[in-house]
Amino acid sequence: NRKVYKQQPNSNIFFLVDRTETLSQCKNTLDELKKAHQEMEN
């Protein structure tokens, strides 16, 4: 039941976002970062 807010880039404005959607986006971003790191290692 907790609310999640996301800050707009380069501003102090926050918008209410869906927690599960944001979690999914963050996981995808983490996977992309890990993939880029692994490619660099390889």
PDB file of all heavy atoms in Angstrom:
ATOM      1  N   ASN A   1       0.803  -1.226   0.000  1.00  0.00           N
ATOM      2  CA  ASN A   1       0.000   0.000   0.000  1.00  0.00           C
ATOM      3  C   ASN A   1       0.835   1.276   0.000  1.00  0.00           C
ATOM      4  O   ASN A   1       0.294   2.367   0.058  1.00  0.00           O
ATOM      5  CB  ASN A   1      -0.943   0.011   1.203  1.00  0.00           C
ATOM      6  CG  ASN A   1      -0.199  -0.031   2.526  1.00  0.00           C
ATOM      7  OD1 ASN A   1       0.990  -0.319   2.573  1.00  0.00           O
ATOM      8  ND2 ASN A   1      -0.908   0.247   3.611  1.00  0.00           N
ATOM      9  N   ARG A   2       2.145   1.182  -0.094  1.00  0.00           N
ATOM     10  CA  ARG A   2       3.015   2.365  -0.087  1.00  0.00           C
ATOM     11  C   ARG A   2       3.037   3.035  -1.455  1.00  0.00           C
ATOM     12  O   ARG A   2       2.947   2.383  -2.487  1.00  0.00           O
ATOM     13  CB  ARG A   2       4.451   1.990   0.316  1.00  0.00           C
ATOM     14  CG  ARG A   2       4.567   1.432   1.691  1.00  0.00           C
ATOM     15  CD  ARG A   2       4.239   2.487   2.707  1.00  0.00           C
ATOM     16  NE  ARG A   2       4.418   1.938   4.047  1.00  0.00           N
ATOM     17  CZ  ARG A   2       3.902   2.467   5.121  1.00  0.00           C
ATOM     18  NH1 ARG A   2       3.170   3.554   5.033  1.00  0.00           N
ATOM     19  NH2 ARG A   2       4.115   1.928   6.293  1.00  0.00           N
ATOM     20  N   LYS A   3       3.180   4.345  -1.417  1.00  0.00           N
ATOM     21  CA  LYS A   3       3.219   5.115  -2.656  1.00  0.00           C
ATOM     22  C   LYS A   3       4.667   5.337  -3.075  1.00  0.00           C
ATOM     23  O   LYS A   3       5.550   5.490  -2.246  1.00  0.00           O
ATOM     24  CB  LYS A   3       2.516   6.456  -2.473  1.00  0.00           C
ATOM     25  CG  LYS A   3       1.036   6.281  -2.270  1.00  0.00           C
ATOM     26  CD  LYS A   3       0.329   7.583  -2.154  1.00  0.00           C
ATOM     27  CE  LYS A   3      -1.147   7.235  -2.061  1.00  0.00           C
ATOM     28  NZ  LYS A   3      -1.984   8.272  -1.654  1.00  0.00           N
ATOM     29  N   VAL A   4       4.870   5.359  -4.380  1.00  0.00           N
ATOM     30  CA  VAL A   4       6.202   5.572  -4.933  1.00  0.00           C
ATOM     31  C   VAL A   4       6.124   6.784  -5.858  1.00  0.00           C
ATOM     32  O   VAL A   4       5.203   6.909  -6.662  1.00  0.00           O
ATOM     33  CB  VAL A   4       6.686   4.337  -5.728  1.00  0.00           C
ATOM     34  CG1 VAL A   4       8.029   4.596  -6.386  1.00  0.00           C
ATOM     35  CG2 VAL A   4       6.757   3.120  -4.827  1.00  0.00           C
ATOM     36  N   TYR A   5       7.112   7.662  -5.708  1.00  0.00           N
ATOM     37  CA  TYR A   5       7.190   8.863  -6.534  1.00  0.00           C
ATOM     38  C   TYR A   5       8.499   8.846  -7.302  1.00  0.00           C
ATOM     39  O   TYR A   5       9.518   8.395  -6.801  1.00  0.00           O
ATOM     40  CB  TYR A   5       7.123  10.121  -5.663  1.00  0.00           C
ATOM     41  CG  TYR A   5       5.791  10.291  -4.977  1.00  0.00           C
ATOM     42  CD1 TYR A   5       5.546   9.690  -3.758  1.00  0.00           C
ATOM     43  CD2 TYR A   5       4.783  11.049  -5.563  1.00  0.00           C
ATOM     44  CE1 TYR A   5       4.316   9.831  -3.128  1.00  0.00           C
ATOM     45  CE2 TYR A   5       3.555  11.200  -4.946  1.00  0.00           C
ATOM     46  CZ  TYR A   5       3.339  10.587  -3.721  1.00  0.00           C
ATOM     47  OH  TYR A   5       2.122  10.725  -3.109  1.00  0.00           O
ATOM     48  N   LYS A   6       8.444   9.362  -8.511  1.00  0.00           N
ATOM     49  CA  LYS A   6       9.642   9.430  -9.346  1.00  0.00           C
ATOM     50  C   LYS A   6       9.931  10.894  -9.658  1.00  0.00           C
ATOM     51  O   LYS A   6       9.031  11.639 -10.056  1.00  0.00           O
ATOM     52  CB  LYS A   6       9.430   8.642 -10.638  1.00  0.00           C
ATOM     53  CG  LYS A   6      10.667   8.515 -11.488  1.00  0.00           C
ATOM     54  CD  LYS A   6      10.438   7.541 -12.622  1.00  0.00           C
ATOM     55  CE  LYS A   6      11.727   7.330 -13.387  1.00  0.00           C
ATOM     56  NZ  LYS A   6      11.543   6.325 -14.422  1.00  0.00           N
ATOM     57  N   GLN A   7      11.198  11.280  -9.493  1.00  0.00           N
ATOM     58  CA  GLN A   7      11.595  12.651  -9.748  1.00  0.00           C
ATOM     59  C   GLN A   7      11.842  12.870 -11.229  1.00  0.00           C
ATOM     60  O   GLN A   7      12.474  12.052 -11.894  1.00  0.00           O
ATOM     61  CB  GLN A   7      12.857  12.989  -8.955  1.00  0.00           C
ATOM     62  CG  GLN A   7      13.278  14.429  -9.075  1.00  0.00           C
ATOM     63  CD  GLN A   7      14.469  14.760  -8.200  1.00  0.00           C
ATOM     64  OE1 GLN A   7      15.087  13.882  -7.613  1.00  0.00           O
ATOM     65  NE2 GLN A   7      14.786  16.034  -8.106  1.00  0.00           N
ATOM     66  N   GLN A   8      11.354  13.989 -11.720  1.00  0.00           N
ATOM     67  CA  GLN A   8      11.619  14.366 -13.099  1.00  0.00           C
ATOM     68  C   GLN A   8      13.081  14.776 -13.218  1.00  0.00           C
ATOM     69  O   GLN A   8      13.609  15.433 -12.327  1.00  0.00           O
ATOM     70  CB  GLN A   8      10.727  15.530 -13.520  1.00  0.00           C
ATOM     71  CG  GLN A   8       9.286  15.119 -13.739  1.00  0.00           C
ATOM     72  CD  GLN A   8       9.145  14.088 -14.809  1.00  0.00           C
ATOM     73  OE1 GLN A   8       8.928  12.924 -14.522  1.00  0.00           O
ATOM     74  NE2 GLN A   8       9.277  14.485 -16.047  1.00  0.00           N
ATOM     75  N   PRO A   9      13.733  14.388 -14.303  1.00  0.00           N
ATOM     76  CA  PRO A   9      15.143  14.772 -14.479  1.00  0.00           C
ATOM     77  C   PRO A   9      15.313  16.297 -14.465  1.00  0.00           C
ATOM     78  O   PRO A   9      14.485  17.022 -15.003  1.00  0.00           O
ATOM     79  CB  PRO A   9      15.502  14.208 -15.852  1.00  0.00           C
ATOM     80  CG  PRO A   9      14.475  13.166 -16.126  1.00  0.00           C
ATOM     81  CD  PRO A   9      13.233  13.586 -15.402  1.00  0.00           C
ATOM     82  N   ASN A  10      16.357  16.737 -13.817  1.00  0.00           N
ATOM     83  CA  ASN A  10      16.726  18.160 -13.760  1.00  0.00           C
ATOM     84  C   ASN A  10      15.645  19.058 -13.165  1.00  0.00           C
ATOM     85  O   ASN A  10      15.500  20.215 -13.573  1.00  0.00           O
ATOM     86  CB  ASN A  10      17.118  18.676 -15.146  1.00  0.00           C
ATOM     87  CG  ASN A  10      18.260  17.900 -15.735  1.00  0.00           C
ATOM     88  OD1 ASN A  10      19.198  17.544 -15.039  1.00  0.00           O
ATOM     89  ND2 ASN A  10      18.174  17.601 -17.010  1.00  0.00           N
ATOM     90  N   SER A  11      14.853  18.531 -12.227  1.00  0.00           N
ATOM     91  CA  SER A  11      13.853  19.376 -11.578  1.00  0.00           C
ATOM     92  C   SER A  11      13.551  18.826 -10.192  1.00  0.00           C
ATOM     93  O   SER A  11      14.017  17.758  -9.805  1.00  0.00           O
ATOM     94  CB  SER A  11      12.575  19.435 -12.405  1.00  0.00           C
ATOM     95  OG  SER A  11      11.818  18.261 -12.230  1.00  0.00           O
ATOM     96  N   ASN A  12      12.759  19.571  -9.455  1.00  0.00           N
ATOM     97  CA  ASN A  12      12.340  19.123  -8.125  1.00  0.00           C
ATOM     98  C   ASN A  12      10.887  18.674  -8.146  1.00  0.00           C
ATOM     99  O   ASN A  12      10.209  18.710  -7.118  1.00  0.00           O
ATOM    100  CB  ASN A  12      12.527  20.257  -7.109  1.00  0.00           C
ATOM    101  CG  ASN A  12      13.992  20.541  -6.866  1.00  0.00           C
ATOM    102  OD1 ASN A  12      14.811  19.631  -6.918  1.00  0.00           O
ATOM    103  ND2 ASN A  12      14.318  21.785  -6.613  1.00  0.00           N
ATOM    104  N   ILE A  13      10.417  18.238  -9.294  1.00  0.00           N
ATOM    105  CA  ILE A  13       9.033  17.801  -9.440  1.00  0.00           C
ATOM    106  C   ILE A  13       8.983  16.275  -9.365  1.00  0.00           C
ATOM    107  O   ILE A  13       9.749  15.583 -10.022  1.00  0.00           O
ATOM    108  CB  ILE A  13       8.437  18.290 -10.777  1.00  0.00           C
ATOM    109  CG1 ILE A  13       8.472  19.821 -10.818  1.00  0.00           C
ATOM    110  CG2 ILE A  13       7.026  17.771 -10.967  1.00  0.00           C
ATOM    111  CD1 ILE A  13       8.098  20.401 -12.152  1.00  0.00           C
ATOM    112  N   PHE A  14       8.044  15.762  -8.552  1.00  0.00           N
ATOM    113  CA  PHE A  14       7.872  14.320  -8.385  1.00  0.00           C
ATOM    114  C   PHE A  14       6.484  13.929  -8.853  1.00  0.00           C
ATOM    115  O   PHE A  14       5.515  14.657  -8.629  1.00  0.00           O
ATOM    116  CB  PHE A  14       8.035  13.926  -6.909  1.00  0.00           C
ATOM    117  CG  PHE A  14       9.431  14.094  -6.396  1.00  0.00           C
ATOM    118  CD1 PHE A  14       9.906  15.330  -6.004  1.00  0.00           C
ATOM    119  CD2 PHE A  14      10.282  13.005  -6.309  1.00  0.00           C
ATOM    120  CE1 PHE A  14      11.203  15.491  -5.527  1.00  0.00           C
ATOM    121  CE2 PHE A  14      11.580  13.146  -5.835  1.00  0.00           C
ATOM    122  CZ  PHE A  14      12.033  14.393  -5.440  1.00  0.00           C
ATOM    123  N   PHE A  15       6.388  12.757  -9.473  1.00  0.00           N
ATOM    124  CA  PHE A  15       5.100  12.231  -9.922  1.00  0.00           C
ATOM    125  C   PHE A  15       4.857  10.860  -9.304  1.00  0.00           C
ATOM    126  O   PHE A  15       5.784  10.055  -9.179  1.00  0.00           O
ATOM    127  CB  PHE A  15       5.061  12.105 -11.450  1.00  0.00           C
ATOM    128  CG  PHE A  15       4.994  13.433 -12.149  1.00  0.00           C
ATOM    129  CD1 PHE A  15       6.126  13.984 -12.710  1.00  0.00           C
ATOM    130  CD2 PHE A  15       3.803  14.127 -12.235  1.00  0.00           C
ATOM    131  CE1 PHE A  15       6.081  15.201 -13.366  1.00  0.00           C
ATOM    132  CE2 PHE A  15       3.739  15.358 -12.875  1.00  0.00           C
ATOM    133  CZ  PHE A  15       4.878  15.894 -13.438  1.00  0.00           C
ATOM    134  N   LEU A  16       3.607  10.610  -8.961  1.00  0.00           N
ATOM    135  CA  LEU A  16       3.213   9.314  -8.436  1.00  0.00           C
ATOM    136  C   LEU A  16       3.312   8.278  -9.548  1.00  0.00           C
ATOM    137  O   LEU A  16       2.853   8.509 -10.667  1.00  0.00           O
ATOM    138  CB  LEU A  16       1.775   9.384  -7.909  1.00  0.00           C
ATOM    139  CG  LEU A  16       1.217   8.124  -7.264  1.00  0.00           C
ATOM    140  CD1 LEU A  16       2.002   7.771  -6.000  1.00  0.00           C
ATOM    141  CD2 LEU A  16      -0.253   8.327  -6.918  1.00  0.00           C
ATOM    142  N   VAL A  17       3.948   7.138  -9.253  1.00  0.00           N
ATOM    143  CA  VAL A  17       4.103   6.069 -10.238  1.00  0.00           C
ATOM    144  C   VAL A  17       3.639   4.754  -9.637  1.00  0.00           C
ATOM    145  O   VAL A  17       3.551   4.603  -8.413  1.00  0.00           O
ATOM    146  CB  VAL A  17       5.569   5.935 -10.726  1.00  0.00           C
ATOM    147  CG1 VAL A  17       5.988   7.152 -11.519  1.00  0.00           C
ATOM    148  CG2 VAL A  17       6.515   5.711  -9.579  1.00  0.00           C
ATOM    149  N   ASP A  18       3.365   3.800 -10.501  1.00  0.00           N
ATOM    150  CA  ASP A  18       2.956   2.471 -10.061  1.00  0.00           C
ATOM    151  C   ASP A  18       4.175   1.711  -9.538  1.00  0.00           C
ATOM    152  O   ASP A  18       5.205   1.630 -10.225  1.00  0.00           O
ATOM    153  CB  ASP A  18       2.325   1.723 -11.234  1.00  0.00           C
ATOM    154  CG  ASP A  18       1.854   0.344 -10.834  1.00  0.00           C
ATOM    155  OD1 ASP A  18       0.983   0.249  -9.948  1.00  0.00           O
ATOM    156  OD2 ASP A  18       2.384  -0.633 -11.405  1.00  0.00           O
ATOM    157  N   ARG A  19       4.073   1.168  -8.325  1.00  0.00           N
ATOM    158  CA  ARG A  19       5.202   0.497  -7.684  1.00  0.00           C
ATOM    159  C   ARG A  19       5.671  -0.712  -8.479  1.00  0.00           C
ATOM    160  O   ARG A  19       6.870  -0.886  -8.725  1.00  0.00           O
ATOM    161  CB  ARG A  19       4.819   0.077  -6.258  1.00  0.00           C
ATOM    162  CG  ARG A  19       5.962  -0.525  -5.475  1.00  0.00           C
ATOM    163  CD  ARG A  19       5.515  -1.071  -4.128  1.00  0.00           C
ATOM    164  NE  ARG A  19       4.598  -2.199  -4.276  1.00  0.00           N
ATOM    165  CZ  ARG A  19       4.988  -3.453  -4.490  1.00  0.00           C
ATOM    166  NH1 ARG A  19       6.258  -3.742  -4.587  1.00  0.00           N
ATOM    167  NH2 ARG A  19       4.108  -4.410  -4.621  1.00  0.00           N
ATOM    168  N   THR A  20       4.757  -1.566  -8.898  1.00  0.00           N
ATOM    169  CA  THR A  20       5.157  -2.795  -9.598  1.00  0.00           C
ATOM    170  C   THR A  20       5.767  -2.485 -10.965  1.00  0.00           C
ATOM    171  O   THR A  20       6.739  -3.122 -11.377  1.00  0.00           O
ATOM    172  CB  THR A  20       3.968  -3.756  -9.767  1.00  0.00           C
ATOM    173  OG1 THR A  20       2.888  -3.075 -10.395  1.00  0.00           O
ATOM    174  CG2 THR A  20       3.514  -4.290  -8.428  1.00  0.00           C
ATOM    175  N   GLU A  21       5.216  -1.479 -11.650  1.00  0.00           N
ATOM    176  CA  GLU A  21       5.758  -1.095 -12.957  1.00  0.00           C
ATOM    177  C   GLU A  21       7.163  -0.509 -12.790  1.00  0.00           C
ATOM    178  O   GLU A  21       8.071  -0.815 -13.558  1.00  0.00           O
ATOM    179  CB  GLU A  21       4.840  -0.073 -13.623  1.00  0.00           C
ATOM    180  CG  GLU A  21       5.258   0.300 -15.025  1.00  0.00           C
ATOM    181  CD  GLU A  21       4.275   1.270 -15.652  1.00  0.00           C
ATOM    182  OE1 GLU A  21       3.068   1.075 -15.503  1.00  0.00           O
ATOM    183  OE2 GLU A  21       4.760   2.217 -16.295  1.00  0.00           O
ATOM    184  N   THR A  22       7.336   0.308 -11.768  1.00  0.00           N
ATOM    185  CA  THR A  22       8.641   0.914 -11.504  1.00  0.00           C
ATOM    186  C   THR A  22       9.656  -0.153 -11.121  1.00  0.00           C
ATOM    187  O   THR A  22      10.805  -0.116 -11.573  1.00  0.00           O
ATOM    188  CB  THR A  22       8.526   1.969 -10.386  1.00  0.00           C
ATOM    189  OG1 THR A  22       7.534   2.931 -10.767  1.00  0.00           O
ATOM    190  CG2 THR A  22       9.843   2.665 -10.153  1.00  0.00           C
ATOM    191  N   LEU A  23       9.237  -1.112 -10.303  1.00  0.00           N
ATOM    192  CA  LEU A  23      10.122  -2.212  -9.920  1.00  0.00           C
ATOM    193  C   LEU A  23      10.556  -2.994 -11.156  1.00  0.00           C
ATOM    194  O   LEU A  23      11.740  -3.316 -11.322  1.00  0.00           O
ATOM    195  CB  LEU A  23       9.441  -3.133  -8.908  1.00  0.00           C
ATOM    196  CG  LEU A  23      10.215  -4.366  -8.467  1.00  0.00           C
ATOM    197  CD1 LEU A  23      11.543  -3.983  -7.841  1.00  0.00           C
ATOM    198  CD2 LEU A  23       9.381  -5.195  -7.487  1.00  0.00           C
ATOM    199  N   SER A  24       9.627  -3.267 -12.036  1.00  0.00           N
ATOM    200  CA  SER A  24       9.941  -3.987 -13.269  1.00  0.00           C
ATOM    201  C   SER A  24      10.935  -3.202 -14.128  1.00  0.00           C
ATOM    202  O   SER A  24      11.910  -3.776 -14.648  1.00  0.00           O
ATOM    203  CB  SER A  24       8.653  -4.239 -14.051  1.00  0.00           C
ATOM    204  OG  SER A  24       8.924  -4.860 -15.271  1.00  0.00           O
ATOM    205  N   GLN A  25      10.726  -1.893 -14.266  1.00  0.00           N
ATOM    206  CA  GLN A  25      11.637  -1.060 -15.050  1.00  0.00           C
ATOM    207  C   GLN A  25      13.037  -1.052 -14.432  1.00  0.00           C
ATOM    208  O   GLN A  25      14.038  -1.131 -15.148  1.00  0.00           O
ATOM    209  CB  GLN A  25      11.106   0.366 -15.138  1.00  0.00           C
ATOM    210  CG  GLN A  25       9.883   0.517 -15.998  1.00  0.00           C
ATOM    211  CD  GLN A  25       9.268   1.909 -15.894  1.00  0.00           C
ATOM    212  OE1 GLN A  25       9.683   2.726 -15.079  1.00  0.00           O
ATOM    213  NE2 GLN A  25       8.263   2.164 -16.714  1.00  0.00           N
ATOM    214  N   CYS A  26      13.087  -0.977 -13.103  1.00  0.00           N
ATOM    215  CA  CYS A  26      14.379  -0.952 -12.417  1.00  0.00           C
ATOM    216  C   CYS A  26      15.116  -2.282 -12.580  1.00  0.00           C
ATOM    217  O   CYS A  26      16.338  -2.302 -12.749  1.00  0.00           O
ATOM    218  CB  CYS A  26      14.193  -0.618 -10.941  1.00  0.00           C
ATOM    219  SG  CYS A  26      13.740   1.097 -10.658  1.00  0.00           S
ATOM    220  N   LYS A  27      14.383  -3.380 -12.532  1.00  0.00           N
ATOM    221  CA  LYS A  27      15.002  -4.691 -12.747  1.00  0.00           C
ATOM    222  C   LYS A  27      15.556  -4.800 -14.160  1.00  0.00           C
ATOM    223  O   LYS A  27      16.647  -5.336 -14.371  1.00  0.00           O
ATOM    224  CB  LYS A  27      13.997  -5.818 -12.478  1.00  0.00           C
ATOM    225  CG  LYS A  27      13.735  -6.062 -11.009  1.00  0.00           C
ATOM    226  CD  LYS A  27      12.743  -7.200 -10.819  1.00  0.00           C
ATOM    227  CE  LYS A  27      12.515  -7.499  -9.354  1.00  0.00           C
ATOM    228  NZ  LYS A  27      11.535  -8.593  -9.176  1.00  0.00           N
ATOM    229  N   ASN A  28      14.795  -4.293 -15.135  1.00  0.00           N
ATOM    230  CA  ASN A  28      15.259  -4.315 -16.527  1.00  0.00           C
ATOM    231  C   ASN A  28      16.519  -3.478 -16.691  1.00  0.00           C
ATOM    232  O   ASN A  28      17.464  -3.886 -17.377  1.00  0.00           O
ATOM    233  CB  ASN A  28      14.167  -3.814 -17.467  1.00  0.00           C
ATOM    234  CG  ASN A  28      13.026  -4.790 -17.606  1.00  0.00           C
ATOM    235  OD1 ASN A  28      13.167  -5.970 -17.303  1.00  0.00           O
ATOM    236  ND2 ASN A  28      11.877  -4.297 -18.026  1.00  0.00           N
ATOM    237  N   THR A  29      16.534  -2.315 -16.060  1.00  0.00           N
ATOM    238  CA  THR A  29      17.717  -1.450 -16.115  1.00  0.00           C
ATOM    239  C   THR A  29      18.916  -2.157 -15.497  1.00  0.00           C
ATOM    240  O   THR A  29      20.019  -2.115 -16.050  1.00  0.00           O
ATOM    241  CB  THR A  29      17.446  -0.121 -15.376  1.00  0.00           C
ATOM    242  OG1 THR A  29      16.330   0.521 -15.983  1.00  0.00           O
ATOM    243  CG2 THR A  29      18.655   0.791 -15.416  1.00  0.00           C
ATOM    244  N   LEU A  30      18.698  -2.815 -14.362  1.00  0.00           N
ATOM    245  CA  LEU A  30      19.775  -3.553 -13.702  1.00  0.00           C
ATOM    246  C   LEU A  30      20.303  -4.660 -14.606  1.00  0.00           C
ATOM    247  O   LEU A  30      21.521  -4.841 -14.736  1.00  0.00           O
ATOM    248  CB  LEU A  30      19.289  -4.131 -12.369  1.00  0.00           C
ATOM    249  CG  LEU A  30      20.291  -4.945 -11.568  1.00  0.00           C
ATOM    250  CD1 LEU A  30      21.520  -4.115 -11.226  1.00  0.00           C
ATOM    251  CD2 LEU A  30      19.644  -5.476 -10.298  1.00  0.00           C
ATOM    252  N   ASP A  31      19.415  -5.376 -15.254  1.00  0.00           N
ATOM    253  CA  ASP A  31      19.835  -6.439 -16.184  1.00  0.00           C
ATOM    254  C   ASP A  31      20.669  -5.876 -17.338  1.00  0.00           C
ATOM    255  O   ASP A  31      21.677  -6.468 -17.729  1.00  0.00           O
ATOM    256  CB  ASP A  31      18.618  -7.186 -16.735  1.00  0.00           C
ATOM    257  CG  ASP A  31      17.928  -8.045 -15.693  1.00  0.00           C
ATOM    258  OD1 ASP A  31      18.549  -8.331 -14.637  1.00  0.00           O
ATOM    259  OD2 ASP A  31      16.756  -8.420 -15.917  1.00  0.00           O
ATOM    260  N   GLU A  32      20.253  -4.722 -17.874  1.00  0.00           N
ATOM    261  CA  GLU A  32      21.003  -4.102 -18.965  1.00  0.00           C
ATOM    262  C   GLU A  32      22.391  -3.668 -18.507  1.00  0.00           C
ATOM    263  O   GLU A  32      23.378  -3.845 -19.238  1.00  0.00           O
ATOM    264  CB  GLU A  32      20.234  -2.896 -19.504  1.00  0.00           C
ATOM    265  CG  GLU A  32      18.974  -3.265 -20.259  1.00  0.00           C
ATOM    266  CD  GLU A  32      18.110  -2.060 -20.586  1.00  0.00           C
ATOM    267  OE1 GLU A  32      18.585  -0.902 -20.437  1.00  0.00           O
ATOM    268  OE2 GLU A  32      16.962  -2.258 -20.995  1.00  0.00           O
ATOM    269  N   LEU A  33      22.469  -3.104 -17.301  1.00  0.00           N
ATOM    270  CA  LEU A  33      23.766  -2.686 -16.763  1.00  0.00           C
ATOM    271  C   LEU A  33      24.680  -3.890 -16.550  1.00  0.00           C
ATOM    272  O   LEU A  33      25.873  -3.842 -16.880  1.00  0.00           O
ATOM    273  CB  LEU A  33      23.581  -1.937 -15.440  1.00  0.00           C
ATOM    274  CG  LEU A  33      22.962  -0.544 -15.533  1.00  0.00           C
ATOM    275  CD1 LEU A  33      22.609  -0.025 -14.144  1.00  0.00           C
ATOM    276  CD2 LEU A  33      23.902   0.416 -16.244  1.00  0.00           C
ATOM    277  N   LYS A  34      24.122  -4.970 -16.010  1.00  0.00           N
ATOM    278  CA  LYS A  34      24.917  -6.187 -15.796  1.00  0.00           C
ATOM    279  C   LYS A  34      25.404  -6.756 -17.126  1.00  0.00           C
ATOM    280  O   LYS A  34      26.541  -7.209 -17.234  1.00  0.00           O
ATOM    281  CB  LYS A  34      24.091  -7.242 -15.058  1.00  0.00           C
ATOM    282  CG  LYS A  34      23.903  -6.953 -13.588  1.00  0.00           C
ATOM    283  CD  LYS A  34      23.075  -8.049 -12.945  1.00  0.00           C
ATOM    284  CE  LYS A  34      22.926  -7.861 -11.463  1.00  0.00           C
ATOM    285  NZ  LYS A  34      22.103  -8.924 -10.847  1.00  0.00           N
ATOM    286  N   LYS A  35      24.542  -6.715 -18.137  1.00  0.00           N
ATOM    287  CA  LYS A  35      24.915  -7.222 -19.453  1.00  0.00           C
ATOM    288  C   LYS A  35      26.058  -6.392 -20.042  1.00  0.00           C
ATOM    289  O   LYS A  35      27.027  -6.942 -20.572  1.00  0.00           O
ATOM    290  CB  LYS A  35      23.706  -7.191 -20.388  1.00  0.00           C
ATOM    291  CG  LYS A  35      23.971  -7.746 -21.762  1.00  0.00           C
ATOM    292  CD  LYS A  35      22.734  -7.688 -22.634  1.00  0.00           C
ATOM    293  CE  LYS A  35      23.041  -8.166 -24.030  1.00  0.00           C
ATOM    294  NZ  LYS A  35      21.902  -7.990 -24.936  1.00  0.00           N
ATOM    295  N   ALA A  36      25.963  -5.077 -19.929  1.00  0.00           N
ATOM    296  CA  ALA A  36      27.019  -4.194 -20.439  1.00  0.00           C
ATOM    297  C   ALA A  36      28.328  -4.449 -19.695  1.00  0.00           C
ATOM    298  O   ALA A  36      29.404  -4.490 -20.302  1.00  0.00           O
ATOM    299  CB  ALA A  36      26.602  -2.737 -20.289  1.00  0.00           C
ATOM    300  N   HIS A  37      28.239  -4.660 -18.391  1.00  0.00           N
ATOM    301  CA  HIS A  37      29.436  -4.932 -17.588  1.00  0.00           C
ATOM    302  C   HIS A  37      30.058  -6.264 -18.009  1.00  0.00           C
ATOM    303  O   HIS A  37      31.278  -6.377 -18.144  1.00  0.00           O
ATOM    304  CB  HIS A  37      29.072  -4.947 -16.104  1.00  0.00           C
ATOM    305  CG  HIS A  37      30.243  -4.993 -15.195  1.00  0.00           C
ATOM    306  ND1 HIS A  37      30.748  -6.174 -14.712  1.00  0.00           N
ATOM    307  CD2 HIS A  37      31.028  -4.007 -14.690  1.00  0.00           C
ATOM    308  CE1 HIS A  37      31.794  -5.911 -13.947  1.00  0.00           C
ATOM    309  NE2 HIS A  37      31.982  -4.605 -13.908  1.00  0.00           N
ATOM    310  N   GLN A  38      29.230  -7.269 -18.230  1.00  0.00           N
ATOM    311  CA  GLN A  38      29.727  -8.583 -18.642  1.00  0.00           C
ATOM    312  C   GLN A  38      30.376  -8.512 -20.018  1.00  0.00           C
ATOM    313  O   GLN A  38      31.419  -9.120 -20.252  1.00  0.00           O
ATOM    314  CB  GLN A  38      28.582  -9.604 -18.653  1.00  0.00           C
ATOM    315  CG  GLN A  38      29.034 -11.027 -18.902  1.00  0.00           C
ATOM    316  CD  GLN A  38      29.974 -11.540 -17.830  1.00  0.00           C
ATOM    317  OE1 GLN A  38      29.752 -11.341 -16.644  1.00  0.00           O
ATOM    318  NE2 GLN A  38      31.043 -12.196 -18.232  1.00  0.00           N
ATOM    319  N   GLU A  39      29.773  -7.748 -20.924  1.00  0.00           N
ATOM    320  CA  GLU A  39      30.359  -7.588 -22.261  1.00  0.00           C
ATOM    321  C   GLU A  39      31.723  -6.925 -22.170  1.00  0.00           C
ATOM    322  O   GLU A  39      32.652  -7.302 -22.886  1.00  0.00           O
ATOM    323  CB  GLU A  39      29.427  -6.772 -23.150  1.00  0.00           C
ATOM    324  CG  GLU A  39      28.193  -7.518 -23.586  1.00  0.00           C
ATOM    325  CD  GLU A  39      27.193  -6.654 -24.325  1.00  0.00           C
ATOM    326  OE1 GLU A  39      27.412  -5.422 -24.461  1.00  0.00           O
ATOM    327  OE2 GLU A  39      26.171  -7.199 -24.764  1.00  0.00           O
ATOM    328  N   MET A  40      31.846  -5.949 -21.268  1.00  0.00           N
ATOM    329  CA  MET A  40      33.127  -5.280 -21.081  1.00  0.00           C
ATOM    330  C   MET A  40      34.159  -6.266 -20.532  1.00  0.00           C
ATOM    331  O   MET A  40      35.302  -6.284 -20.977  1.00  0.00           O
ATOM    332  CB  MET A  40      32.962  -4.095 -20.132  1.00  0.00           C
ATOM    333  CG  MET A  40      34.202  -3.249 -20.002  1.00  0.00           C
ATOM    334  SD  MET A  40      33.923  -1.809 -18.993  1.00  0.00           S
ATOM    335  CE  MET A  40      33.045  -0.801 -20.161  1.00  0.00           C
ATOM    336  N   GLU A  41      33.749  -7.084 -19.568  1.00  0.00           N
ATOM    337  CA  GLU A  41      34.646  -8.099 -19.002  1.00  0.00           C
ATOM    338  C   GLU A  41      35.096  -9.070 -20.091  1.00  0.00           C
ATOM    339  O   GLU A  41      36.276  -9.411 -20.172  1.00  0.00           O
ATOM    340  CB  GLU A  41      33.933  -8.879 -17.892  1.00  0.00           C
ATOM    341  CG  GLU A  41      33.672  -8.098 -16.631  1.00  0.00           C
ATOM    342  CD  GLU A  41      34.904  -7.944 -15.772  1.00  0.00           C
ATOM    343  OE1 GLU A  41      35.739  -8.867 -15.753  1.00  0.00           O
ATOM    344  OE2 GLU A  41      35.031  -6.887 -15.129  1.00  0.00           O
ATOM    345  N   ASN A  42      34.164  -9.518 -20.906  1.00  0.00           N
ATOM    346  CA  ASN A  42      34.485 -10.472 -21.968  1.00  0.00           C
ATOM    347  C   ASN A  42      35.431  -9.866 -23.000  1.00  0.00           C
ATOM    348  O   ASN A  42      36.339 -10.550 -23.480  1.00  0.00           O
ATOM    349  CB  ASN A  42      33.205 -10.969 -22.649  1.00  0.00           C
ATOM    350  CG  ASN A  42      32.383 -11.855 -21.743  1.00  0.00           C
ATOM    351  OD1 ASN A  42      32.859 -12.359 -20.731  1.00  0.00           O
ATOM    352  ND2 ASN A  42      31.108 -12.012 -22.082  1.00  0.00           N
TER     353      ASN A  42
END
